[in-house]
Amino acid sequence: MGIKQFFKNAFSDMKQSAKEQHEVDKANFEAAKAESKATWEEAKMSPKARQAKMSAERQEQIDAAKARTAAANERIEQAKNSK
């Protein structure tokens, strides 16, 4: 492979990489825009609706913590039984 072909391949690779990075940047920008709009819409919620949403989120967190605790206790029992 000559030097001319080397640079041709290198610039082709850089061009493809730049296109792919541009797609990633566009997707990230759209996601940030959507998240910002969601935050704005949540901020405009009525106090009762916001309270209900927060209550539901807290309950989900409690359920997740209980599931993690149960899994950890099961691992402890397995470790004790395998001795």
PDB file of N, CA and C in Angstrom:
ATOM      1  N   MET A   1       0.853  -1.174   0.000  1.00  0.00           N
ATOM      2  CA  MET A   1       0.000   0.000   0.000  1.00  0.00           C
ATOM      3  C   MET A   1       0.897   1.234   0.000  1.00  0.00           C
ATOM      4  N   GLY A   2       0.592   2.108  -0.944  1.00  0.00           N
ATOM      5  CA  GLY A   2       1.377   3.324  -1.054  1.00  0.00           C
ATOM      6  C   GLY A   2       0.886   4.392  -0.101  1.00  0.00           C
ATOM      7  N   ILE A   3       1.663   5.451  -0.024  1.00  0.00           N
ATOM      8  CA  ILE A   3       1.336   6.561   0.875  1.00  0.00           C
ATOM      9  C   ILE A   3       0.034   7.235   0.457  1.00  0.00           C
ATOM     10  N   LYS A   4      -0.188   7.289  -0.861  1.00  0.00           N
ATOM     11  CA  LYS A   4      -1.409   7.920  -1.365  1.00  0.00           C
ATOM     12  C   LYS A   4      -2.640   7.134  -0.895  1.00  0.00           C
ATOM     13  N   GLN A   5      -2.579   5.826  -1.006  1.00  0.00           N
ATOM     14  CA  GLN A   5      -3.694   4.970  -0.578  1.00  0.00           C
ATOM     15  C   GLN A   5      -3.877   5.039   0.941  1.00  0.00           C
ATOM     16  N   PHE A   6      -2.756   5.124   1.666  1.00  0.00           N
ATOM     17  CA  PHE A   6      -2.825   5.222   3.123  1.00  0.00           C
ATOM     18  C   PHE A   6      -3.628   6.455   3.549  1.00  0.00           C
ATOM     19  N   PHE A   7      -3.285   7.618   2.970  1.00  0.00           N
ATOM     20  CA  PHE A   7      -3.987   8.846   3.322  1.00  0.00           C
ATOM     21  C   PHE A   7      -5.440   8.827   2.848  1.00  0.00           C
ATOM     22  N   LYS A   8      -5.674   8.214   1.681  1.00  0.00           N
ATOM     23  CA  LYS A   8      -7.037   8.098   1.173  1.00  0.00           C
ATOM     24  C   LYS A   8      -7.887   7.293   2.154  1.00  0.00           C
ATOM     25  N   ASN A   9      -7.352   6.183   2.657  1.00  0.00           N
ATOM     26  CA  ASN A   9      -8.069   5.354   3.631  1.00  0.00           C
ATOM     27  C   ASN A   9      -8.260   6.102   4.957  1.00  0.00           C
ATOM     28  N   ALA A  10      -7.205   6.803   5.378  1.00  0.00           N
ATOM     29  CA  ALA A  10      -7.274   7.521   6.652  1.00  0.00           C
ATOM     30  C   ALA A  10      -8.354   8.601   6.599  1.00  0.00           C
ATOM     31  N   PHE A  11      -8.401   9.380   5.540  1.00  0.00           N
ATOM     32  CA  PHE A  11      -9.407  10.440   5.426  1.00  0.00           C
ATOM     33  C   PHE A  11     -10.807   9.866   5.263  1.00  0.00           C
ATOM     34  N   SER A  12     -10.903   8.739   4.589  1.00  0.00           N
ATOM     35  CA  SER A  12     -12.200   8.074   4.455  1.00  0.00           C
ATOM     36  C   SER A  12     -12.704   7.617   5.825  1.00  0.00           C
ATOM     37  N   ASP A  13     -11.808   7.046   6.625  1.00  0.00           N
ATOM     38  CA  ASP A  13     -12.173   6.610   7.972  1.00  0.00           C
ATOM     39  C   ASP A  13     -12.589   7.786   8.848  1.00  0.00           C
ATOM     40  N   MET A  14     -11.844   8.902   8.736  1.00  0.00           N
ATOM     41  CA  MET A  14     -12.180  10.084   9.522  1.00  0.00           C
ATOM     42  C   MET A  14     -13.547  10.643   9.120  1.00  0.00           C
ATOM     43  N   LYS A  15     -13.847  10.616   7.832  1.00  0.00           N
ATOM     44  CA  LYS A  15     -15.123  11.113   7.344  1.00  0.00           C
ATOM     45  C   LYS A  15     -16.263  10.256   7.892  1.00  0.00           C
ATOM     46  N   GLN A  16     -16.098   8.949   7.845  1.00  0.00           N
ATOM     47  CA  GLN A  16     -17.119   8.044   8.366  1.00  0.00           C
ATOM     48  C   GLN A  16     -17.297   8.234   9.873  1.00  0.00           C
ATOM     49  N   SER A  17     -16.202   8.374  10.589  1.00  0.00           N
ATOM     50  CA  SER A  17     -16.253   8.580  12.032  1.00  0.00           C
ATOM     51  C   SER A  17     -16.966   9.886  12.368  1.00  0.00           C
ATOM     52  N   ALA A  18     -16.707  10.930  11.611  1.00  0.00           N
ATOM     53  CA  ALA A  18     -17.352  12.226  11.843  1.00  0.00           C
ATOM     54  C   ALA A  18     -18.854  12.121  11.599  1.00  0.00           C
ATOM     55  N   LYS A  19     -19.267  11.384  10.569  1.00  0.00           N
ATOM     56  CA  LYS A  19     -20.695  11.191  10.301  1.00  0.00           C
ATOM     57  C   LYS A  19     -21.361  10.463  11.458  1.00  0.00           C
ATOM     58  N   GLU A  20     -20.721   9.411  11.937  1.00  0.00           N
ATOM     59  CA  GLU A  20     -21.291   8.636  13.036  1.00  0.00           C
ATOM     60  C   GLU A  20     -21.376   9.467  14.311  1.00  0.00           C
ATOM     61  N   GLN A  21     -20.334  10.257  14.595  1.00  0.00           N
ATOM     62  CA  GLN A  21     -20.348  11.104  15.786  1.00  0.00           C
ATOM     63  C   GLN A  21     -21.432  12.158  15.685  1.00  0.00           C
ATOM     64  N   HIS A  22     -21.657  12.667  14.473  1.00  0.00           N
ATOM     65  CA  HIS A  22     -22.722  13.653  14.265  1.00  0.00           C
ATOM     66  C   HIS A  22     -24.082  13.045  14.595  1.00  0.00           C
ATOM     67  N   GLU A  23     -24.300  11.791  14.197  1.00  0.00           N
ATOM     68  CA  GLU A  23     -25.553  11.108  14.516  1.00  0.00           C
ATOM     69  C   GLU A  23     -25.720  10.946  16.024  1.00  0.00           C
ATOM     70  N   VAL A  24     -24.639  10.606  16.712  1.00  0.00           N
ATOM     71  CA  VAL A  24     -24.677  10.477  18.169  1.00  0.00           C
ATOM     72  C   VAL A  24     -25.008  11.818  18.805  1.00  0.00           C
ATOM     73  N   ASP A  25     -24.376  12.865  18.338  1.00  0.00           N
ATOM     74  CA  ASP A  25     -24.625  14.199  18.877  1.00  0.00           C
ATOM     75  C   ASP A  25     -26.075  14.636  18.645  1.00  0.00           C
ATOM     76  N   LYS A  26     -26.611  14.349  17.463  1.00  0.00           N
ATOM     77  CA  LYS A  26     -27.998  14.701  17.181  1.00  0.00           C
ATOM     78  C   LYS A  26     -28.942  13.959  18.121  1.00  0.00           C
ATOM     79  N   ALA A  27     -28.688  12.668  18.322  1.00  0.00           N
ATOM     80  CA  ALA A  27     -29.547  11.870  19.198  1.00  0.00           C
ATOM     81  C   ALA A  27     -29.478  12.386  20.637  1.00  0.00           C
ATOM     82  N   ASN A  28     -28.270  12.703  21.103  1.00  0.00           N
ATOM     83  CA  ASN A  28     -28.115  13.237  22.462  1.00  0.00           C
ATOM     84  C   ASN A  28     -28.804  14.589  22.617  1.00  0.00           C
ATOM     85  N   PHE A  29     -28.731  15.422  21.592  1.00  0.00           N
ATOM     86  CA  PHE A  29     -29.383  16.722  21.634  1.00  0.00           C
ATOM     87  C   PHE A  29     -30.898  16.560  21.706  1.00  0.00           C
ATOM     88  N   GLU A  30     -31.454  15.661  20.901  1.00  0.00           N
ATOM     89  CA  GLU A  30     -32.897  15.420  20.919  1.00  0.00           C
ATOM     90  C   GLU A  30     -33.334  14.884  22.283  1.00  0.00           C
ATOM     91  N   ALA A  31     -32.528  14.004  22.878  1.00  0.00           N
ATOM     92  CA  ALA A  31     -32.858  13.465  24.202  1.00  0.00           C
ATOM     93  C   ALA A  31     -32.833  14.568  25.252  1.00  0.00           C
ATOM     94  N   ALA A  32     -31.834  15.430  25.201  1.00  0.00           N
ATOM     95  CA  ALA A  32     -31.744  16.534  26.162  1.00  0.00           C
ATOM     96  C   ALA A  32     -32.915  17.490  26.003  1.00  0.00           C
ATOM     97  N   LYS A  33     -33.302  17.738  24.751  1.00  0.00           N
ATOM     98  CA  LYS A  33     -34.437  18.611  24.484  1.00  0.00           C
ATOM     99  C   LYS A  33     -35.729  18.014  25.054  1.00  0.00           C
ATOM    100  N   ALA A  34     -35.926  16.718  24.852  1.00  0.00           N
ATOM    101  CA  ALA A  34     -37.133  16.053  25.350  1.00  0.00           C
ATOM    102  C   ALA A  34     -37.149  16.040  26.874  1.00  0.00           C
ATOM    103  N   GLU A  35     -35.997  15.778  27.493  1.00  0.00           N
ATOM    104  CA  GLU A  35     -35.920  15.784  28.955  1.00  0.00           C
ATOM    105  C   GLU A  35     -36.224  17.172  29.507  1.00  0.00           C
ATOM    106  N   SER A  36     -35.722  18.195  28.852  1.00  0.00           N
ATOM    107  CA  SER A  36     -35.981  19.566  29.284  1.00  0.00           C
ATOM    108  C   SER A  36     -37.469  19.888  29.194  1.00  0.00           C
ATOM    109  N   LYS A  37     -38.103  19.479  28.110  1.00  0.00           N
ATOM    110  CA  LYS A  37     -39.542  19.726  27.951  1.00  0.00           C
ATOM    111  C   LYS A  37     -40.328  18.969  29.013  1.00  0.00           C
ATOM    112  N   ALA A  38     -39.909  17.725  29.314  1.00  0.00           N
ATOM    113  CA  ALA A  38     -40.588  16.941  30.345  1.00  0.00           C
ATOM    114  C   ALA A  38     -40.468  17.620  31.705  1.00  0.00           C
ATOM    115  N   THR A  39     -39.297  18.126  32.006  1.00  0.00           N
ATOM    116  CA  THR A  39     -39.092  18.840  33.272  1.00  0.00           C
ATOM    117  C   THR A  39     -39.981  20.069  33.341  1.00  0.00           C
ATOM    118  N   TRP A  40     -40.082  20.794  32.222  1.00  0.00           N
ATOM    119  CA  TRP A  40     -40.924  21.986  32.182  1.00  0.00           C
ATOM    120  C   TRP A  40     -42.386  21.621  32.400  1.00  0.00           C
ATOM    121  N   GLU A  41     -42.832  20.568  31.737  1.00  0.00           N
ATOM    122  CA  GLU A  41     -44.226  20.146  31.884  1.00  0.00           C
ATOM    123  C   GLU A  41     -44.511  19.682  33.314  1.00  0.00           C
ATOM    124  N   GLU A  42     -43.550  19.000  33.919  1.00  0.00           N
ATOM    125  CA  GLU A  42     -43.713  18.568  35.306  1.00  0.00           C
ATOM    126  C   GLU A  42     -43.780  19.766  36.243  1.00  0.00           C
ATOM    127  N   ALA A  43     -43.017  20.802  35.941  1.00  0.00           N
ATOM    128  CA  ALA A  43     -43.017  21.999  36.787  1.00  0.00           C
ATOM    129  C   ALA A  43     -44.362  22.717  36.724  1.00  0.00           C
ATOM    130  N   LYS A  44     -45.068  22.563  35.613  1.00  0.00           N
ATOM    131  CA  LYS A  44     -46.364  23.217  35.464  1.00  0.00           C
ATOM    132  C   LYS A  44     -47.511  22.397  36.053  1.00  0.00           C
ATOM    133  N   MET A  45     -47.222  21.211  36.585  1.00  0.00           N
ATOM    134  CA  MET A  45     -48.270  20.361  37.150  1.00  0.00           C
ATOM    135  C   MET A  45     -48.907  21.031  38.368  1.00  0.00           C
ATOM    136  N   SER A  46     -50.140  20.648  38.639  1.00  0.00           N
ATOM    137  CA  SER A  46     -50.800  21.173  39.828  1.00  0.00           C
ATOM    138  C   SER A  46     -50.137  20.559  41.066  1.00  0.00           C
ATOM    139  N   PRO A  47     -50.229  21.224  42.194  1.00  0.00           N
ATOM    140  CA  PRO A  47     -49.590  20.698  43.407  1.00  0.00           C
ATOM    141  C   PRO A  47     -50.072  19.291  43.771  1.00  0.00           C
ATOM    142  N   LYS A  48     -51.365  19.018  43.601  1.00  0.00           N
ATOM    143  CA  LYS A  48     -51.864  17.683  43.930  1.00  0.00           C
ATOM    144  C   LYS A  48     -51.298  16.634  42.985  1.00  0.00           C
ATOM    145  N   ALA A  49     -51.217  16.952  41.708  1.00  0.00           N
ATOM    146  CA  ALA A  49     -50.662  16.014  40.736  1.00  0.00           C
ATOM    147  C   ALA A  49     -49.174  15.774  41.015  1.00  0.00           C
ATOM    148  N   ARG A  50     -48.451  16.842  41.354  1.00  0.00           N
ATOM    149  CA  ARG A  50     -47.025  16.710  41.667  1.00  0.00           C
ATOM    150  C   ARG A  50     -46.842  15.839  42.908  1.00  0.00           C
ATOM    151  N   GLN A  51     -47.682  16.050  43.907  1.00  0.00           N
ATOM    152  CA  GLN A  51     -47.590  15.265  45.134  1.00  0.00           C
ATOM    153  C   GLN A  51     -47.871  13.791  44.852  1.00  0.00           C
ATOM    154  N   ALA A  52     -48.851  13.518  44.024  1.00  0.00           N
ATOM    155  CA  ALA A  52     -49.173  12.129  43.674  1.00  0.00           C
ATOM    156  C   ALA A  52     -48.018  11.482  42.914  1.00  0.00           C
ATOM    157  N   LYS A  53     -47.398  12.232  42.004  1.00  0.00           N
ATOM    158  CA  LYS A  53     -46.255  11.720  41.237  1.00  0.00           C
ATOM    159  C   LYS A  53     -45.090  11.407  42.164  1.00  0.00           C
ATOM    160  N   MET A  54     -44.796  12.315  43.078  1.00  0.00           N
ATOM    161  CA  MET A  54     -43.692  12.103  44.012  1.00  0.00           C
ATOM    162  C   MET A  54     -43.975  10.910  44.923  1.00  0.00           C
ATOM    163  N   SER A  55     -45.215  10.768  45.346  1.00  0.00           N
ATOM    164  CA  SER A  55     -45.596   9.649  46.197  1.00  0.00           C
ATOM    165  C   SER A  55     -45.396   8.325  45.461  1.00  0.00           C
ATOM    166  N   ALA A  56     -45.773   8.280  44.195  1.00  0.00           N
ATOM    167  CA  ALA A  56     -45.597   7.069  43.396  1.00  0.00           C
ATOM    168  C   ALA A  56     -44.111   6.749  43.211  1.00  0.00           C
ATOM    169  N   GLU A  57     -43.306   7.777  42.977  1.00  0.00           N
ATOM    170  CA  GLU A  57     -41.862   7.561  42.823  1.00  0.00           C
ATOM    171  C   GLU A  57     -41.251   7.037  44.121  1.00  0.00           C
ATOM    172  N   ARG A  58     -41.678   7.581  45.253  1.00  0.00           N
ATOM    173  CA  ARG A  58     -41.155   7.104  46.539  1.00  0.00           C
ATOM    174  C   ARG A  58     -41.535   5.652  46.767  1.00  0.00           C
ATOM    175  N   GLN A  59     -42.762   5.283  46.413  1.00  0.00           N
ATOM    176  CA  GLN A  59     -43.196   3.900  46.590  1.00  0.00           C
ATOM    177  C   GLN A  59     -42.377   2.962  45.712  1.00  0.00           C
ATOM    178  N   GLU A  60     -42.070   3.375  44.486  1.00  0.00           N
ATOM    179  CA  GLU A  60     -41.218   2.574  43.601  1.00  0.00           C
ATOM    180  C   GLU A  60     -39.836   2.383  44.216  1.00  0.00           C
ATOM    181  N   GLN A  61     -39.283   3.444  44.816  1.00  0.00           N
ATOM    182  CA  GLN A  61     -37.971   3.350  45.446  1.00  0.00           C
ATOM    183  C   GLN A  61     -38.007   2.412  46.638  1.00  0.00           C
ATOM    184  N   ILE A  62     -39.076   2.466  47.416  1.00  0.00           N
ATOM    185  CA  ILE A  62     -39.215   1.569  48.568  1.00  0.00           C
ATOM    186  C   ILE A  62     -39.295   0.125  48.095  1.00  0.00           C
ATOM    187  N   ASP A  63     -40.095  -0.133  47.064  1.00  0.00           N
ATOM    188  CA  ASP A  63     -40.225  -1.486  46.526  1.00  0.00           C
ATOM    189  C   ASP A  63     -38.889  -2.007  46.004  1.00  0.00           C
ATOM    190  N   ALA A  64     -38.141  -1.149  45.317  1.00  0.00           N
ATOM    191  CA  ALA A  64     -36.835  -1.555  44.789  1.00  0.00           C
ATOM    192  C   ALA A  64     -35.870  -1.869  45.934  1.00  0.00           C
ATOM    193  N   ALA A  65     -35.897  -1.067  46.994  1.00  0.00           N
ATOM    194  CA  ALA A  65     -35.012  -1.304  48.138  1.00  0.00           C
ATOM    195  C   ALA A  65     -35.371  -2.610  48.833  1.00  0.00           C
ATOM    196  N   LYS A  66     -36.666  -2.899  48.957  1.00  0.00           N
ATOM    197  CA  LYS A  66     -37.084  -4.155  49.577  1.00  0.00           C
ATOM    198  C   LYS A  66     -36.647  -5.349  48.740  1.00  0.00           C
ATOM    199  N   ALA A  67     -36.740  -5.229  47.430  1.00  0.00           N
ATOM    200  CA  ALA A  67     -36.303  -6.317  46.550  1.00  0.00           C
ATOM    201  C   ALA A  67     -34.800  -6.538  46.674  1.00  0.00           C
ATOM    202  N   ARG A  68     -34.034  -5.454  46.756  1.00  0.00           N
ATOM    203  CA  ARG A  68     -32.577  -5.587  46.920  1.00  0.00           C
ATOM    204  C   ARG A  68     -32.247  -6.237  48.252  1.00  0.00           C
ATOM    205  N   THR A  69     -32.983  -5.859  49.305  1.00  0.00           N
ATOM    206  CA  THR A  69     -32.760  -6.448  50.627  1.00  0.00           C
ATOM    207  C   THR A  69     -33.057  -7.940  50.600  1.00  0.00           C
ATOM    208  N   ALA A  70     -34.158  -8.331  49.970  1.00  0.00           N
ATOM    209  CA  ALA A  70     -34.518  -9.742  49.881  1.00  0.00           C
ATOM    210  C   ALA A  70     -33.453 -10.522  49.108  1.00  0.00           C
ATOM    211  N   ALA A  71     -32.969  -9.958  48.024  1.00  0.00           N
ATOM    212  CA  ALA A  71     -31.923 -10.626  47.235  1.00  0.00           C
ATOM    213  C   ALA A  71     -30.641 -10.777  48.047  1.00  0.00           C
ATOM    214  N   ALA A  72     -30.283  -9.755  48.801  1.00  0.00           N
ATOM    215  CA  ALA A  72     -29.078  -9.819  49.625  1.00  0.00           C
ATOM    216  C   ALA A  72     -29.229 -10.865  50.723  1.00  0.00           C
ATOM    217  N   ASN A  73     -30.412 -10.935  51.357  1.00  0.00           N
ATOM    218  CA  ASN A  73     -30.640 -11.940  52.390  1.00  0.00           C
ATOM    219  C   ASN A  73     -30.569 -13.347  51.816  1.00  0.00           C
ATOM    220  N   GLU A  74     -31.066 -13.521  50.603  1.00  0.00           N
ATOM    221  CA  GLU A  74     -30.993 -14.827  49.952  1.00  0.00           C
ATOM    222  C   GLU A  74     -29.539 -15.215  49.682  1.00  0.00           C
ATOM    223  N   ARG A  75     -28.738 -14.247  49.238  1.00  0.00           N
ATOM    224  CA  ARG A  75     -27.317 -14.515  48.988  1.00  0.00           C
ATOM    225  C   ARG A  75     -26.619 -14.878  50.297  1.00  0.00           C
ATOM    226  N   ILE A  76     -26.998 -14.219  51.400  1.00  0.00           N
ATOM    227  CA  ILE A  76     -26.392 -14.512  52.710  1.00  0.00           C
ATOM    228  C   ILE A  76     -26.705 -15.943  53.098  1.00  0.00           C
ATOM    229  N   GLU A  77     -27.954 -16.336  52.943  1.00  0.00           N
ATOM    230  CA  GLU A  77     -28.354 -17.707  53.285  1.00  0.00           C
ATOM    231  C   GLU A  77     -27.638 -18.726  52.419  1.00  0.00           C
ATOM    232  N   GLN A  78     -27.487 -18.462  51.144  1.00  0.00           N
ATOM    233  CA  GLN A  78     -26.776 -19.370  50.247  1.00  0.00           C
ATOM    234  C   GLN A  78     -25.305 -19.493  50.672  1.00  0.00           C
ATOM    235  N   ALA A  79     -24.724 -18.372  51.046  1.00  0.00           N
ATOM    236  CA  ALA A  79     -23.320 -18.392  51.467  1.00  0.00           C
ATOM    237  C   ALA A  79     -23.156 -19.183  52.757  1.00  0.00           C
ATOM    238  N   LYS A  80     -24.104 -19.049  53.673  1.00  0.00           N
ATOM    239  CA  LYS A  80     -24.030 -19.779  54.941  1.00  0.00           C
ATOM    240  C   LYS A  80     -24.207 -21.274  54.721  1.00  0.00           C
ATOM    241  N   ASN A  81     -25.090 -21.660  53.801  1.00  0.00           N
ATOM    242  CA  ASN A  81     -25.387 -23.068  53.539  1.00  0.00           C
ATOM    243  C   ASN A  81     -24.294 -23.760  52.742  1.00  0.00           C
ATOM    244  N   SER A  82     -23.463 -23.027  52.046  1.00  0.00           N
ATOM    245  CA  SER A  82     -22.442 -23.642  51.206  1.00  0.00           C
ATOM    246  C   SER A  82     -21.130 -23.906  51.954  1.00  0.00           C
ATOM    247  N   LYS A  83     -21.068 -23.563  53.213  1.00  0.00           N
ATOM    248  CA  LYS A  83     -19.837 -23.765  53.989  1.00  0.00           C
ATOM    249  C   LYS A  83     -19.608 -25.208  54.308  1.00  0.00           C
TER     250      LYS A  83
END
